[in-house]
Protein backbone atom coordinates (compact mmCIF):
# COMPACT_ATOMS: atom_id res chain seq x y z
CA MET A 1 20.54 18.07 3.15
CA ALA A 2 16.98 17.07 2.28
CA GLY A 3 15.89 16.57 -1.29
CA ASN A 4 13.25 18.85 -2.75
CA TYR A 5 10.16 17.54 -4.54
CA ASP A 6 6.85 19.33 -5.14
CA ILE A 7 3.71 17.17 -4.98
CA VAL A 8 0.17 17.43 -6.29
CA ILE A 9 -2.61 15.76 -4.31
CA GLU A 10 -5.86 15.20 -6.16
CA GLN A 11 -8.83 15.66 -3.84
CA GLY A 12 -10.89 12.44 -3.70
CA ALA A 13 -8.12 10.24 -5.14
CA THR A 14 -5.66 7.93 -3.43
CA PHE A 15 -2.24 9.55 -2.95
CA SER A 16 1.03 7.69 -2.49
CA LEU A 17 4.67 8.71 -2.82
CA ALA A 18 7.56 6.26 -2.44
CA ILE A 19 10.94 7.72 -1.47
CA THR A 20 14.02 5.54 -1.94
CA VAL A 21 16.74 5.98 0.67
CA THR A 22 19.85 4.49 -0.92
CA GLY A 23 22.17 2.25 1.08
CA ILE A 24 20.55 2.70 4.51
CA ASP A 25 18.66 0.07 6.53
CA LEU A 26 15.82 1.92 8.26
CA THR A 27 14.07 -1.13 9.75
CA LEU A 28 14.60 0.19 13.30
CA TYR A 29 13.38 3.68 12.37
CA SER A 30 9.96 5.27 12.03
CA ALA A 31 8.88 7.95 9.59
CA ARG A 32 6.67 11.00 9.90
CA ALA A 33 5.35 13.53 7.39
CA GLN A 34 3.19 16.61 7.74
CA ALA A 35 2.01 19.51 5.61
CA ARG A 36 1.11 23.03 6.67
CA THR A 37 -0.09 26.07 4.75
CA THR A 38 3.12 27.89 5.74
CA HIS A 39 6.27 26.90 7.60
CA ALA A 40 5.13 28.99 10.59
CA SER A 41 1.54 27.71 10.71
CA PRO A 42 0.65 26.10 14.04
CA ASP A 43 -2.02 23.96 12.34
CA LYS A 44 -1.35 20.82 10.33
CA ALA A 45 -3.11 20.75 6.98
CA ILE A 46 -2.21 17.08 6.37
CA THR A 47 -0.75 14.29 8.46
CA PHE A 48 0.42 11.60 6.06
CA THR A 49 0.35 7.89 6.80
CA THR A 50 3.93 6.60 6.64
CA ALA A 51 5.56 3.21 6.18
CA ILE A 52 9.15 1.99 5.87
CA ALA A 53 10.23 -1.11 3.94
CA TYR A 54 13.78 -2.42 3.54
CA SER A 55 15.01 -4.31 0.49
CA SER A 56 18.80 -4.57 0.60
CA PRO A 57 20.56 -2.25 0.01
CA ASN A 58 17.81 0.40 0.07
CA SER A 59 14.95 1.49 2.29
CA ILE A 60 11.71 2.87 0.92
CA ILE A 61 9.64 5.38 2.86
CA THR A 62 6.07 5.67 1.61
CA ILE A 63 3.77 8.55 2.49
CA SER A 64 0.10 8.21 1.63
CA GLN A 65 -3.49 9.34 2.01
CA THR A 66 -6.60 7.31 1.23
CA ALA A 67 -9.26 8.62 -1.15
CA THR A 68 -11.48 9.28 1.89
CA GLN A 69 -8.72 11.32 3.53
CA THR A 70 -8.03 13.42 0.42
CA THR A 71 -11.76 14.06 -0.01
CA ALA A 72 -11.68 15.85 3.35
CA LEU A 73 -8.82 18.16 2.30
CA ILE A 74 -9.61 21.77 1.44
CA ALA A 75 -9.15 22.38 -2.26
CA PRO A 76 -7.80 24.29 -3.97
CA SER A 77 -5.02 24.93 -1.50
CA SER A 78 -1.27 24.75 -1.21
CA GLY A 79 1.55 24.88 1.28
CA VAL A 80 4.71 23.11 2.39
CA TYR A 81 5.50 19.59 3.60
CA ASP A 82 8.42 17.50 4.74
CA VAL A 83 9.27 13.87 5.46
CA GLU A 84 11.55 12.73 8.28
CA TYR A 85 12.85 9.43 9.57
CA VAL A 86 13.44 9.00 13.30
CA SER A 87 15.70 6.56 15.17
CA GLY A 88 14.05 4.05 17.50
CA SER A 89 15.25 6.07 20.52
CA GLY A 90 13.90 9.27 18.98
CA THR A 91 17.24 11.02 19.41
CA VAL A 92 18.19 11.17 15.71
CA VAL A 93 15.83 12.89 13.26
CA THR A 94 16.74 13.23 9.59
CA ARG A 95 14.72 15.24 7.09
CA ILE A 96 14.84 13.29 3.83
CA LEU A 97 12.45 15.27 1.60
CA GLU A 98 10.69 18.64 1.55
CA GLY A 99 8.78 20.76 -0.89
CA THR A 100 5.45 22.31 -1.70
CA TYR A 101 2.09 20.64 -2.05
CA THR A 102 -0.90 21.61 -4.14
CA ILE A 103 -4.37 20.14 -3.67
CA THR A 104 -6.49 20.16 -6.81
CA PRO A 105 -10.30 20.07 -6.37
CA GLU A 106 -12.40 17.06 -7.23
CA VAL A 107 -15.25 17.35 -9.71
CA THR A 108 -16.63 13.79 -9.75
CA ARG A 109 -18.15 12.83 -6.40
């Protein structure tokens, strides 16, 4: 069962979230993360950049957006997101985290 964590993304600021996966070596896996305004929405609101690092005995999945990428996001807005890791063959997909996102508007430009 995936964990639940709600995130706030500040428009125009760098966003990064590190997720520790305890006791699992994910070096042969990839990660993916997307956000949509609703679960049923056909359109992606955000495609996060993902990275996996392993430091025995844990793996860390990082999802991120650059300041330039968050500047392009529509704010204020909100929706849902999730993070998955995928085996090298693509046959095993595990959702590790899910929740809501909120984008707060930037004032300083």
